[in-house]
């Protein structure tokens, strides 16, 4: 059986430097997505969204592995888009006003029909509360700046500022939403070792 490591194949998107900000061109990719509002640290809505996204993503993985395609691949990491109505007032320390899209990238071989089949299987087994909120959508981020943050989420501020300064110093402006990619299992890794890619689309 063929095995594919998409994190390696897309290394430029899922492995970033912790020392310097770099530009990347992000292609169109397919995601399972759920939208919500509120502080992810305290929001039950966020917890339920993550649970539903992982349940469907792992079901898709096993459908592909055991079905006609028979390819084994690793489920991609959780990602998040974060924003407020006025992005000039986006405050890392005031998360109650945040809006978010929680999402997991899906390989090109995943079709709308497979997603519908996976959702139906998850519904029959676990039926997580946020399952009905899932959508399967193309996300086109384009040219972006990114850097790796190592440490707890509460200490991301200086890393985010470093990315923003790099963008303005190179005569670009920020557009779109603050993007984070969570590479660590926070249930197992110590907070000081958490790895998070900070990404900001630009124009």
Foldseek 3Di string as FASTA:
>chain_A
DAEDEVCVVVVVVNPFAQPAKDKDFDAKFKKKKFKDAADCVPDPVNVLRVVLQVQLQVLLQVCCCPDPNNYHYDWFFKKKWKAAPDRVPDDLVDRGRIIMMIITTDDPVDDPVSSVVSLVVCCVPPNGPCSVRIDMDIDRQTMKMKHKDAAASSPCVVVVVNRQVVQVVVVKHFDDTWMKTWDDDPVPDDRRGTIIMTMTRID
